[in-house]
Amino acid sequence: MIFQLNLAAIVAIGGQAAWRKTKLVIIVPIQGKLGIILGWWVVALTNYEVMPTPLGTLVANLDDTLHPFDRRELSHSGFEDLLLASLRGVLIGFLLGAASAIPALVFERDV
């Protein structure tokens, strides 16, 4: 019983100390994201022909967000097609980087 109380006290004190350290770390990213959205909104309101507001973008993409795997038309792929295209781009980039870096490392060791 005493061991459980001591353990609970240690966890509570550790949790309070961790919260004191991370409170600022949690708040700062939220302020940054809100600042970006506010900046986006200001630019969108001044150039409404060129750029939609964040709320307009959310409304226009709400169906895609709620149903990501649906195929709608030929020009609009489902989520898995977009994911595969992205992974293909990452793989091609990695292979091109490796193809140029590995020979450079091999020739550097020979010199």
PDB file of N, CA and C in Angstrom:
ATOM      1  N   MET A   1       0.824  -1.185   0.000  1.00  0.00           N
ATOM      2  CA  MET A   1       0.000   0.000   0.000  1.00  0.00           C
ATOM      3  C   MET A   1       0.875   1.259   0.000  1.00  0.00           C
ATOM      4  N   ILE A   2       1.887   1.263   0.833  1.00  0.00           N
ATOM      5  CA  ILE A   2       2.779   2.425   0.896  1.00  0.00           C
ATOM      6  C   ILE A   2       3.550   2.554  -0.409  1.00  0.00           C
ATOM      7  N   PHE A   3       3.952   1.427  -0.979  1.00  0.00           N
ATOM      8  CA  PHE A   3       4.676   1.463  -2.253  1.00  0.00           C
ATOM      9  C   PHE A   3       3.807   2.064  -3.359  1.00  0.00           C
ATOM     10  N   GLN A   4       2.524   1.700  -3.382  1.00  0.00           N
ATOM     11  CA  GLN A   4       1.616   2.248  -4.393  1.00  0.00           C
ATOM     12  C   GLN A   4       1.439   3.752  -4.217  1.00  0.00           C
ATOM     13  N   LEU A   5       1.322   4.222  -2.990  1.00  0.00           N
ATOM     14  CA  LEU A   5       1.173   5.657  -2.738  1.00  0.00           C
ATOM     15  C   LEU A   5       2.440   6.406  -3.150  1.00  0.00           C
ATOM     16  N   ASN A   6       3.591   5.856  -2.811  1.00  0.00           N
ATOM     17  CA  ASN A   6       4.840   6.499  -3.206  1.00  0.00           C
ATOM     18  C   ASN A   6       4.988   6.539  -4.727  1.00  0.00           C
ATOM     19  N   LEU A   7       4.635   5.449  -5.370  1.00  0.00           N
ATOM     20  CA  LEU A   7       4.716   5.399  -6.826  1.00  0.00           C
ATOM     21  C   LEU A   7       3.762   6.408  -7.451  1.00  0.00           C
ATOM     22  N   ALA A   8       2.552   6.526  -6.905  1.00  0.00           N
ATOM     23  CA  ALA A   8       1.593   7.500  -7.422  1.00  0.00           C
ATOM     24  C   ALA A   8       2.103   8.921  -7.216  1.00  0.00           C
ATOM     25  N   ALA A   9       2.735   9.184  -6.098  1.00  0.00           N
ATOM     26  CA  ALA A   9       3.283  10.512  -5.840  1.00  0.00           C
ATOM     27  C   ALA A   9       4.430  10.822  -6.797  1.00  0.00           C
ATOM     28  N   ILE A  10       5.273   9.857  -7.045  1.00  0.00           N
ATOM     29  CA  ILE A  10       6.390  10.065  -7.973  1.00  0.00           C
ATOM     30  C   ILE A  10       5.865  10.344  -9.379  1.00  0.00           C
ATOM     31  N   VAL A  11       4.865   9.580  -9.800  1.00  0.00           N
ATOM     32  CA  VAL A  11       4.288   9.793 -11.133  1.00  0.00           C
ATOM     33  C   VAL A  11       3.632  11.165 -11.208  1.00  0.00           C
ATOM     34  N   ALA A  12       2.924  11.586 -10.160  1.00  0.00           N
ATOM     35  CA  ALA A  12       2.265  12.890 -10.158  1.00  0.00           C
ATOM     36  C   ALA A  12       3.287  14.019 -10.210  1.00  0.00           C
ATOM     37  N   ILE A  13       4.347  13.921  -9.435  1.00  0.00           N
ATOM     38  CA  ILE A  13       5.378  14.965  -9.433  1.00  0.00           C
ATOM     39  C   ILE A  13       6.094  14.994 -10.778  1.00  0.00           C
ATOM     40  N   GLY A  14       6.391  13.824 -11.311  1.00  0.00           N
ATOM     41  CA  GLY A  14       7.024  13.770 -12.638  1.00  0.00           C
ATOM     42  C   GLY A  14       6.123  14.337 -13.719  1.00  0.00           C
ATOM     43  N   GLY A  15       4.839  14.045 -13.633  1.00  0.00           N
ATOM     44  CA  GLY A  15       3.883  14.588 -14.602  1.00  0.00           C
ATOM     45  C   GLY A  15       3.791  16.101 -14.519  1.00  0.00           C
ATOM     46  N   GLN A  16       3.787  16.647 -13.315  1.00  0.00           N
ATOM     47  CA  GLN A  16       3.743  18.107 -13.153  1.00  0.00           C
ATOM     48  C   GLN A  16       5.002  18.748 -13.710  1.00  0.00           C
ATOM     49  N   ALA A  17       6.143  18.165 -13.439  1.00  0.00           N
ATOM     50  CA  ALA A  17       7.396  18.723 -13.953  1.00  0.00           C
ATOM     51  C   ALA A  17       7.433  18.648 -15.475  1.00  0.00           C
ATOM     52  N   ALA A  18       6.974  17.540 -16.031  1.00  0.00           N
ATOM     53  CA  ALA A  18       6.957  17.412 -17.495  1.00  0.00           C
ATOM     54  C   ALA A  18       5.988  18.410 -18.104  1.00  0.00           C
ATOM     55  N   TRP A  19       4.834  18.645 -17.452  1.00  0.00           N
ATOM     56  CA  TRP A  19       3.863  19.600 -17.983  1.00  0.00           C
ATOM     57  C   TRP A  19       4.422  21.013 -17.948  1.00  0.00           C
ATOM     58  N   ARG A  20       5.153  21.354 -16.903  1.00  0.00           N
ATOM     59  CA  ARG A  20       5.752  22.696 -16.831  1.00  0.00           C
ATOM     60  C   ARG A  20       6.750  22.914 -17.962  1.00  0.00           C
ATOM     61  N   LYS A  21       7.488  21.881 -18.321  1.00  0.00           N
ATOM     62  CA  LYS A  21       8.472  22.016 -19.395  1.00  0.00           C
ATOM     63  C   LYS A  21       7.824  22.024 -20.770  1.00  0.00           C
ATOM     64  N   THR A  22       6.759  21.259 -20.966  1.00  0.00           N
ATOM     65  CA  THR A  22       6.188  21.107 -22.308  1.00  0.00           C
ATOM     66  C   THR A  22       5.038  22.054 -22.589  1.00  0.00           C
ATOM     67  N   LYS A  23       4.565  22.807 -21.601  1.00  0.00           N
ATOM     68  CA  LYS A  23       3.429  23.689 -21.825  1.00  0.00           C
ATOM     69  C   LYS A  23       3.729  24.680 -22.942  1.00  0.00           C
ATOM     70  N   LEU A  24       4.898  25.293 -22.930  1.00  0.00           N
ATOM     71  CA  LEU A  24       5.269  26.241 -23.964  1.00  0.00           C
ATOM     72  C   LEU A  24       5.464  25.535 -25.300  1.00  0.00           C
ATOM     73  N   VAL A  25       5.968  24.323 -25.269  1.00  0.00           N
ATOM     74  CA  VAL A  25       6.200  23.570 -26.504  1.00  0.00           C
ATOM     75  C   VAL A  25       4.878  23.245 -27.189  1.00  0.00           C
ATOM     76  N   ILE A  26       3.817  23.031 -26.431  1.00  0.00           N
ATOM     77  CA  ILE A  26       2.506  22.734 -27.005  1.00  0.00           C
ATOM     78  C   ILE A  26       1.861  24.009 -27.544  1.00  0.00           C
ATOM     79  N   ILE A  27       1.994  25.118 -26.838  1.00  0.00           N
ATOM     80  CA  ILE A  27       1.320  26.359 -27.221  1.00  0.00           C
ATOM     81  C   ILE A  27       1.959  26.992 -28.448  1.00  0.00           C
ATOM     82  N   VAL A  28       3.266  26.969 -28.576  1.00  0.00           N
ATOM     83  CA  VAL A  28       3.950  27.644 -29.673  1.00  0.00           C
ATOM     84  C   VAL A  28       3.546  27.092 -31.038  1.00  0.00           C
ATOM     85  N   PRO A  29       3.493  25.771 -31.272  1.00  0.00           N
ATOM     86  CA  PRO A  29       3.053  25.297 -32.582  1.00  0.00           C
ATOM     87  C   PRO A  29       1.608  25.685 -32.901  1.00  0.00           C
ATOM     88  N   ILE A  30       0.744  25.724 -31.893  1.00  0.00           N
ATOM     89  CA  ILE A  30      -0.642  26.127 -32.130  1.00  0.00           C
ATOM     90  C   ILE A  30      -0.688  27.584 -32.562  1.00  0.00           C
ATOM     91  N   GLN A  31       0.094  28.439 -31.931  1.00  0.00           N
ATOM     92  CA  GLN A  31       0.121  29.848 -32.317  1.00  0.00           C
ATOM     93  C   GLN A  31       0.674  30.006 -33.728  1.00  0.00           C
ATOM     94  N   GLY A  32       1.673  29.229 -34.079  1.00  0.00           N
ATOM     95  CA  GLY A  32       2.228  29.298 -35.426  1.00  0.00           C
ATOM     96  C   GLY A  32       1.217  28.891 -36.483  1.00  0.00           C
ATOM     97  N   LYS A  33       0.490  27.806 -36.221  1.00  0.00           N
ATOM     98  CA  LYS A  33      -0.518  27.350 -37.180  1.00  0.00           C
ATOM     99  C   LYS A  33      -1.647  28.358 -37.306  1.00  0.00           C
ATOM    100  N   LEU A  34      -2.077  28.928 -36.184  1.00  0.00           N
ATOM    101  CA  LEU A  34      -3.119  29.950 -36.253  1.00  0.00           C
ATOM    102  C   LEU A  34      -2.620  31.191 -36.991  1.00  0.00           C
ATOM    103  N   GLY A  35      -1.351  31.532 -36.821  1.00  0.00           N
ATOM    104  CA  GLY A  35      -0.782  32.666 -37.538  1.00  0.00           C
ATOM    105  C   GLY A  35      -0.743  32.434 -39.033  1.00  0.00           C
ATOM    106  N   ILE A  36      -0.405  31.206 -39.441  1.00  0.00           N
ATOM    107  CA  ILE A  36      -0.387  30.879 -40.873  1.00  0.00           C
ATOM    108  C   ILE A  36      -1.792  30.955 -41.452  1.00  0.00           C
ATOM    109  N   ILE A  37      -2.769  30.415 -40.736  1.00  0.00           N
ATOM    110  CA  ILE A  37      -4.152  30.460 -41.227  1.00  0.00           C
ATOM    111  C   ILE A  37      -4.654  31.903 -41.281  1.00  0.00           C
ATOM    112  N   LEU A  38      -4.317  32.713 -40.282  1.00  0.00           N
ATOM    113  CA  LEU A  38      -4.721  34.115 -40.292  1.00  0.00           C
ATOM    114  C   LEU A  38      -4.067  34.866 -41.453  1.00  0.00           C
ATOM    115  N   GLY A  39      -2.780  34.604 -41.690  1.00  0.00           N
ATOM    116  CA  GLY A  39      -2.103  35.224 -42.829  1.00  0.00           C
ATOM    117  C   GLY A  39      -2.719  34.795 -44.150  1.00  0.00           C
ATOM    118  N   TRP A  40      -3.056  33.516 -44.268  1.00  0.00           N
ATOM    119  CA  TRP A  40      -3.702  33.001 -45.463  1.00  0.00           C
ATOM    120  C   TRP A  40      -5.029  33.718 -45.682  1.00  0.00           C
ATOM    121  N   TRP A  41      -5.778  33.905 -44.600  1.00  0.00           N
ATOM    122  CA  TRP A  41      -7.088  34.543 -44.694  1.00  0.00           C
ATOM    123  C   TRP A  41      -6.947  35.996 -45.155  1.00  0.00           C
ATOM    124  N   VAL A  42      -5.960  36.697 -44.615  1.00  0.00           N
ATOM    125  CA  VAL A  42      -5.751  38.099 -45.010  1.00  0.00           C
ATOM    126  C   VAL A  42      -5.381  38.195 -46.481  1.00  0.00           C
ATOM    127  N   VAL A  43      -4.474  37.344 -46.940  1.00  0.00           N
ATOM    128  CA  VAL A  43      -4.074  37.358 -48.354  1.00  0.00           C
ATOM    129  C   VAL A  43      -5.251  36.974 -49.236  1.00  0.00           C
ATOM    130  N   ALA A  44      -6.046  35.999 -48.805  1.00  0.00           N
ATOM    131  CA  ALA A  44      -7.193  35.561 -49.601  1.00  0.00           C
ATOM    132  C   ALA A  44      -8.257  36.652 -49.685  1.00  0.00           C
ATOM    133  N   LEU A  45      -8.439  37.414 -48.634  1.00  0.00           N
ATOM    134  CA  LEU A  45      -9.437  38.482 -48.679  1.00  0.00           C
ATOM    135  C   LEU A  45      -8.984  39.643 -49.547  1.00  0.00           C
ATOM    136  N   THR A  46      -7.690  39.881 -49.622  1.00  0.00           N
ATOM    137  CA  THR A  46      -7.207  40.971 -50.471  1.00  0.00           C
ATOM    138  C   THR A  46      -7.102  40.548 -51.929  1.00  0.00           C
ATOM    139  N   ASN A  47      -6.897  39.257 -52.200  1.00  0.00           N
ATOM    140  CA  ASN A  47      -6.793  38.729 -53.571  1.00  0.00           C
ATOM    141  C   ASN A  47      -7.824  37.618 -53.755  1.00  0.00           C
ATOM    142  N   TYR A  48      -9.079  37.927 -53.603  1.00  0.00           N
ATOM    143  CA  TYR A  48     -10.106  36.889 -53.618  1.00  0.00           C
ATOM    144  C   TYR A  48     -10.283  36.236 -54.987  1.00  0.00           C
ATOM    145  N   GLU A  49      -9.817  36.871 -56.077  1.00  0.00           N
ATOM    146  CA  GLU A  49      -9.922  36.238 -57.394  1.00  0.00           C
ATOM    147  C   GLU A  49      -8.884  35.136 -57.564  1.00  0.00           C
ATOM    148  N   VAL A  50      -7.768  35.261 -56.867  1.00  0.00           N
ATOM    149  CA  VAL A  50      -6.651  34.348 -57.065  1.00  0.00           C
ATOM    150  C   VAL A  50      -6.647  33.202 -56.049  1.00  0.00           C
ATOM    151  N   MET A  51      -7.014  33.494 -54.823  1.00  0.00           N
ATOM    152  CA  MET A  51      -6.817  32.528 -53.748  1.00  0.00           C
ATOM    153  C   MET A  51      -8.082  32.406 -52.901  1.00  0.00           C
ATOM    154  N   PRO A  52      -8.539  31.178 -52.625  1.00  0.00           N
ATOM    155  CA  PRO A  52      -9.715  31.021 -51.769  1.00  0.00           C
ATOM    156  C   PRO A  52      -9.355  31.173 -50.291  1.00  0.00           C
ATOM    157  N   THR A  53     -10.347  31.457 -49.490  1.00  0.00           N
ATOM    158  CA  THR A  53     -10.132  31.552 -48.043  1.00  0.00           C
ATOM    159  C   THR A  53      -9.985  30.133 -47.472  1.00  0.00           C
ATOM    160  N   PRO A  54      -9.450  30.006 -46.268  1.00  0.00           N
ATOM    161  CA  PRO A  54      -9.348  28.673 -45.664  1.00  0.00           C
ATOM    162  C   PRO A  54     -10.709  27.989 -45.521  1.00  0.00           C
ATOM    163  N   LEU A  55     -11.743  28.740 -45.178  1.00  0.00           N
ATOM    164  CA  LEU A  55     -13.074  28.143 -45.049  1.00  0.00           C
ATOM    165  C   LEU A  55     -13.601  27.690 -46.407  1.00  0.00           C
ATOM    166  N   GLY A  56     -13.366  28.484 -47.462  1.00  0.00           N
ATOM    167  CA  GLY A  56     -13.773  28.075 -48.806  1.00  0.00           C
ATOM    168  C   GLY A  56     -13.051  26.825 -49.261  1.00  0.00           C
ATOM    169  N   THR A  57     -11.772  26.720 -48.931  1.00  0.00           N
ATOM    170  CA  THR A  57     -11.003  25.527 -49.278  1.00  0.00           C
ATOM    171  C   THR A  57     -11.519  24.308 -48.530  1.00  0.00           C
ATOM    172  N   LEU A  58     -11.832  24.476 -47.256  1.00  0.00           N
ATOM    173  CA  LEU A  58     -12.369  23.371 -46.465  1.00  0.00           C
ATOM    174  C   LEU A  58     -13.701  22.895 -47.024  1.00  0.00           C
ATOM    175  N   VAL A  59     -14.585  23.832 -47.369  1.00  0.00           N
ATOM    176  CA  VAL A  59     -15.892  23.461 -47.910  1.00  0.00           C
ATOM    177  C   VAL A  59     -15.741  22.770 -49.268  1.00  0.00           C
ATOM    178  N   ALA A  60     -14.853  23.281 -50.120  1.00  0.00           N
ATOM    179  CA  ALA A  60     -14.666  22.689 -51.447  1.00  0.00           C
ATOM    180  C   ALA A  60     -14.084  21.280 -51.379  1.00  0.00           C
ATOM    181  N   ASN A  61     -13.280  20.994 -50.369  1.00  0.00           N
ATOM    182  CA  ASN A  61     -12.613  19.687 -50.260  1.00  0.00           C
ATOM    183  C   ASN A  61     -13.211  18.796 -49.188  1.00  0.00           C
ATOM    184  N   LEU A  62     -14.354  19.159 -48.651  1.00  0.00           N
ATOM    185  CA  LEU A  62     -14.947  18.387 -47.562  1.00  0.00           C
ATOM    186  C   LEU A  62     -15.320  16.975 -48.012  1.00  0.00           C
ATOM    187  N   ASP A  63     -15.869  16.830 -49.208  1.00  0.00           N
ATOM    188  CA  ASP A  63     -16.248  15.505 -49.694  1.00  0.00           C
ATOM    189  C   ASP A  63     -15.018  14.621 -49.875  1.00  0.00           C
ATOM    190  N   ASP A  64     -13.934  15.198 -50.412  1.00  0.00           N
ATOM    191  CA  ASP A  64     -12.703  14.424 -50.570  1.00  0.00           C
ATOM    192  C   ASP A  64     -12.120  14.033 -49.219  1.00  0.00           C
ATOM    193  N   THR A  65     -12.246  14.898 -48.234  1.00  0.00           N
ATOM    194  CA  THR A  65     -11.712  14.617 -46.906  1.00  0.00           C
ATOM    195  C   THR A  65     -12.510  13.521 -46.214  1.00  0.00           C
ATOM    196  N   LEU A  66     -13.823  13.558 -46.363  1.00  0.00           N
ATOM    197  CA  LEU A  66     -14.663  12.566 -45.686  1.00  0.00           C
ATOM    198  C   LEU A  66     -14.660  11.216 -46.392  1.00  0.00           C
ATOM    199  N   HIS A  67     -14.440  11.204 -47.716  1.00  0.00           N
ATOM    200  CA  HIS A  67     -14.451   9.961 -48.491  1.00  0.00           C
ATOM    201  C   HIS A  67     -13.196   9.896 -49.362  1.00  0.00           C
ATOM    202  N   PRO A  68     -12.027   9.630 -48.773  1.00  0.00           N
ATOM    203  CA  PRO A  68     -10.779   9.724 -49.533  1.00  0.00           C
ATOM    204  C   PRO A  68     -10.576   8.616 -50.561  1.00  0.00           C
ATOM    205  N   PHE A  69     -11.262   7.487 -50.445  1.00  0.00           N
ATOM    206  CA  PHE A  69     -10.998   6.358 -51.335  1.00  0.00           C
ATOM    207  C   PHE A  69     -11.973   6.278 -52.503  1.00  0.00           C
ATOM    208  N   ASP A  70     -12.890   7.218 -52.613  1.00  0.00           N
ATOM    209  CA  ASP A  70     -13.851   7.190 -53.720  1.00  0.00           C
ATOM    210  C   ASP A  70     -13.215   7.717 -54.996  1.00  0.00           C
ATOM    211  N   ARG A  71     -13.519   7.050 -56.101  1.00  0.00           N
ATOM    212  CA  ARG A  71     -13.092   7.544 -57.417  1.00  0.00           C
ATOM    213  C   ARG A  71     -14.283   8.274 -58.020  1.00  0.00           C
ATOM    214  N   ARG A  72     -14.062   9.525 -58.421  1.00  0.00           N
ATOM    215  CA  ARG A  72     -15.178  10.322 -58.898  1.00  0.00           C
ATOM    216  C   ARG A  72     -15.198  10.448 -60.414  1.00  0.00           C
ATOM    217  N   GLU A  73     -14.093  10.796 -61.018  1.00  0.00           N
ATOM    218  CA  GLU A  73     -14.002  10.955 -62.464  1.00  0.00           C
ATOM    219  C   GLU A  73     -12.587  10.602 -62.891  1.00  0.00           C
ATOM    220  N   LEU A  74     -12.336  10.596 -64.176  1.00  0.00           N
ATOM    221  CA  LEU A  74     -11.019  10.173 -64.654  1.00  0.00           C
ATOM    222  C   LEU A  74      -9.905  11.097 -64.183  1.00  0.00           C
ATOM    223  N   SER A  75     -10.182  12.392 -64.098  1.00  0.00           N
ATOM    224  CA  SER A  75      -9.128  13.318 -63.693  1.00  0.00           C
ATOM    225  C   SER A  75      -8.945  13.370 -62.186  1.00  0.00           C
ATOM    226  N   HIS A  76      -9.834  12.737 -61.440  1.00  0.00           N
ATOM    227  CA  HIS A  76      -9.754  12.783 -59.978  1.00  0.00           C
ATOM    228  C   HIS A  76      -9.509  11.373 -59.460  1.00  0.00           C
ATOM    229  N   SER A  77      -8.276  11.087 -59.092  1.00  0.00           N
ATOM    230  CA  SER A  77      -7.920   9.758 -58.602  1.00  0.00           C
ATOM    231  C   SER A  77      -8.305   9.614 -57.141  1.00  0.00           C
ATOM    232  N   GLY A  78      -8.379   8.401 -56.711  1.00  0.00           N
ATOM    233  CA  GLY A  78      -8.625   8.128 -55.310  1.00  0.00           C
ATOM    234  C   GLY A  78      -7.357   8.310 -54.493  1.00  0.00           C
ATOM    235  N   PHE A  79      -7.471   8.179 -53.197  1.00  0.00           N
ATOM    236  CA  PHE A  79      -6.361   8.391 -52.286  1.00  0.00           C
ATOM    237  C   PHE A  79      -5.209   7.441 -52.565  1.00  0.00           C
ATOM    238  N   GLU A  80      -5.523   6.182 -52.871  1.00  0.00           N
ATOM    239  CA  GLU A  80      -4.455   5.207 -53.077  1.00  0.00           C
ATOM    240  C   GLU A  80      -3.636   5.530 -54.321  1.00  0.00           C
ATOM    241  N   ASP A  81      -4.274   6.076 -55.373  1.00  0.00           N
ATOM    242  CA  ASP A  81      -3.515   6.456 -56.566  1.00  0.00           C
ATOM    243  C   ASP A  81      -2.573   7.609 -56.268  1.00  0.00           C
ATOM    244  N   LEU A  82      -3.056   8.567 -55.494  1.00  0.00           N
ATOM    245  CA  LEU A  82      -2.209   9.698 -55.123  1.00  0.00           C
ATOM    246  C   LEU A  82      -1.065   9.247 -54.216  1.00  0.00           C
ATOM    247  N   LEU A  83      -1.342   8.319 -53.317  1.00  0.00           N
ATOM    248  CA  LEU A  83      -0.307   7.797 -52.433  1.00  0.00           C
ATOM    249  C   LEU A  83       0.759   7.054 -53.225  1.00  0.00           C
ATOM    250  N   LEU A  84       0.343   6.232 -54.177  1.00  0.00           N
ATOM    251  CA  LEU A  84       1.310   5.497 -54.998  1.00  0.00           C
ATOM    252  C   LEU A  84       2.142   6.444 -55.859  1.00  0.00           C
ATOM    253  N   ALA A  85       1.528   7.490 -56.386  1.00  0.00           N
ATOM    254  CA  ALA A  85       2.284   8.463 -57.183  1.00  0.00           C
ATOM    255  C   ALA A  85       3.313   9.169 -56.315  1.00  0.00           C
ATOM    256  N   SER A  86       2.941   9.495 -55.094  1.00  0.00           N
ATOM    257  CA  SER A  86       3.872  10.152 -54.186  1.00  0.00           C
ATOM    258  C   SER A  86       5.023   9.222 -53.810  1.00  0.00           C
ATOM    259  N   LEU A  87       4.704   7.980 -53.501  1.00  0.00           N
ATOM    260  CA  LEU A  87       5.750   7.014 -53.160  1.00  0.00           C
ATOM    261  C   LEU A  87       6.676   6.754 -54.343  1.00  0.00           C
ATOM    262  N   ARG A  88       6.117   6.727 -55.556  1.00  0.00           N
ATOM    263  CA  ARG A  88       6.956   6.554 -56.747  1.00  0.00           C
ATOM    264  C   ARG A  88       7.931   7.717 -56.885  1.00  0.00           C
ATOM    265  N   GLY A  89       7.456   8.937 -56.631  1.00  0.00           N
ATOM    266  CA  GLY A  89       8.348  10.102 -56.696  1.00  0.00           C
ATOM    267  C   GLY A  89       9.449  10.045 -55.657  1.00  0.00           C
ATOM    268  N   VAL A  90       9.112   9.610 -54.459  1.00  0.00           N
ATOM    269  CA  VAL A  90      10.121   9.485 -53.399  1.00  0.00           C
ATOM    270  C   VAL A  90      11.141   8.417 -53.764  1.00  0.00           C
ATOM    271  N   LEU A  91      10.685   7.294 -54.278  1.00  0.00           N
ATOM    272  CA  LEU A  91      11.599   6.214 -54.654  1.00  0.00           C
ATOM    273  C   LEU A  91      12.525   6.639 -55.797  1.00  0.00           C
ATOM    274  N   ILE A  92      11.990   7.327 -56.800  1.00  0.00           N
ATOM    275  CA  ILE A  92      12.822   7.796 -57.905  1.00  0.00           C
ATOM    276  C   ILE A  92      13.860   8.793 -57.399  1.00  0.00           C
ATOM    277  N   GLY A  93      13.454   9.708 -56.526  1.00  0.00           N
ATOM    278  CA  GLY A  93      14.395  10.668 -55.962  1.00  0.00           C
ATOM    279  C   GLY A  93      15.485   9.996 -55.153  1.00  0.00           C
ATOM    280  N   PHE A  94      15.102   8.996 -54.363  1.00  0.00           N
ATOM    281  CA  PHE A  94      16.103   8.280 -53.573  1.00  0.00           C
ATOM    282  C   PHE A  94      17.091   7.540 -54.475  1.00  0.00           C
ATOM    283  N   LEU A  95      16.564   6.877 -55.491  1.00  0.00           N
ATOM    284  CA  LEU A  95      17.447   6.130 -56.393  1.00  0.00           C
ATOM    285  C   LEU A  95      18.385   7.062 -57.158  1.00  0.00           C
ATOM    286  N   LEU A  96      17.891   8.218 -57.609  1.00  0.00           N
ATOM    287  CA  LEU A  96      18.766   9.176 -58.292  1.00  0.00           C
ATOM    288  C   LEU A  96      19.845   9.712 -57.347  1.00  0.00           C
ATOM    289  N   GLY A  97      19.462   9.995 -56.101  1.00  0.00           N
ATOM    290  CA  GLY A  97      20.445  10.463 -55.122  1.00  0.00           C
ATOM    291  C   GLY A  97      21.476   9.403 -54.805  1.00  0.00           C
ATOM    292  N   ALA A  98      21.009   8.167 -54.637  1.00  0.00           N
ATOM    293  CA  ALA A  98      21.941   7.074 -54.343  1.00  0.00           C
ATOM    294  C   ALA A  98      22.853   6.797 -55.530  1.00  0.00           C
ATOM    295  N   ALA A  99      22.301   6.897 -56.748  1.00  0.00           N
ATOM    296  CA  ALA A  99      23.108   6.637 -57.941  1.00  0.00           C
ATOM    297  C   ALA A  99      24.209   7.673 -58.107  1.00  0.00           C
ATOM    298  N   SER A 100      23.995   8.873 -57.620  1.00  0.00           N
ATOM    299  CA  SER A 100      25.054   9.881 -57.732  1.00  0.00           C
ATOM    300  C   SER A 100      25.973   9.893 -56.505  1.00  0.00           C
ATOM    301  N   ALA A 101      25.462   9.536 -55.332  1.00  0.00           N
ATOM    302  CA  ALA A 101      26.269   9.618 -54.115  1.00  0.00           C
ATOM    303  C   ALA A 101      27.166   8.407 -53.903  1.00  0.00           C
ATOM    304  N   ILE A 102      26.677   7.218 -54.204  1.00  0.00           N
ATOM    305  CA  ILE A 102      27.469   6.005 -53.949  1.00  0.00           C
ATOM    306  C   ILE A 102      28.739   5.976 -54.795  1.00  0.00           C
ATOM    307  N   PRO A 103      28.674   6.243 -56.099  1.00  0.00           N
ATOM    308  CA  PRO A 103      29.937   6.280 -56.851  1.00  0.00           C
ATOM    309  C   PRO A 103      30.878   7.385 -56.370  1.00  0.00           C
ATOM    310  N   ALA A 104      30.331   8.505 -55.948  1.00  0.00           N
ATOM    311  CA  ALA A 104      31.194   9.581 -55.447  1.00  0.00           C
ATOM    312  C   ALA A 104      31.933   9.134 -54.194  1.00  0.00           C
ATOM    313  N   LEU A 105      31.271   8.393 -53.322  1.00  0.00           N
ATOM    314  CA  LEU A 105      31.929   7.892 -52.114  1.00  0.00           C
ATOM    315  C   LEU A 105      32.967   6.830 -52.453  1.00  0.00           C
ATOM    316  N   VAL A 106      32.672   5.982 -53.408  1.00  0.00           N
ATOM    317  CA  VAL A 106      33.611   4.930 -53.793  1.00  0.00           C
ATOM    318  C   VAL A 106      34.867   5.541 -54.395  1.00  0.00           C
ATOM    319  N   PHE A 107      34.715   6.505 -55.314  1.00  0.00           N
ATOM    320  CA  PHE A 107      35.875   7.138 -55.930  1.00  0.00           C
ATOM    321  C   PHE A 107      36.657   7.999 -54.962  1.00  0.00           C
ATOM    322  N   GLU A 108      35.997   8.534 -53.946  1.00  0.00           N
ATOM    323  CA  GLU A 108      36.679   9.345 -52.952  1.00  0.00           C
ATOM    324  C   GLU A 108      37.602   8.489 -52.105  1.00  0.00           C
ATOM    325  N   ARG A 109      37.187   7.268 -51.779  1.00  0.00           N
ATOM    326  CA  ARG A 109      38.031   6.373 -50.970  1.00  0.00           C
ATOM    327  C   ARG A 109      39.237   5.876 -51.753  1.00  0.00           C
ATOM    328  N   ASP A 110      39.102   5.749 -53.065  1.00  0.00           N
ATOM    329  CA  ASP A 110      40.203   5.256 -53.882  1.00  0.00           C
ATOM    330  C   ASP A 110      41.326   6.271 -53.996  1.00  0.00           C
ATOM    331  N   VAL A 111      40.998   7.549 -53.865  1.00  0.00           N
ATOM    332  CA  VAL A 111      42.007   8.588 -54.069  1.00  0.00           C
ATOM    333  C   VAL A 111      42.900   8.727 -52.904  1.00  0.00           C
TER     334      VAL A 111
END
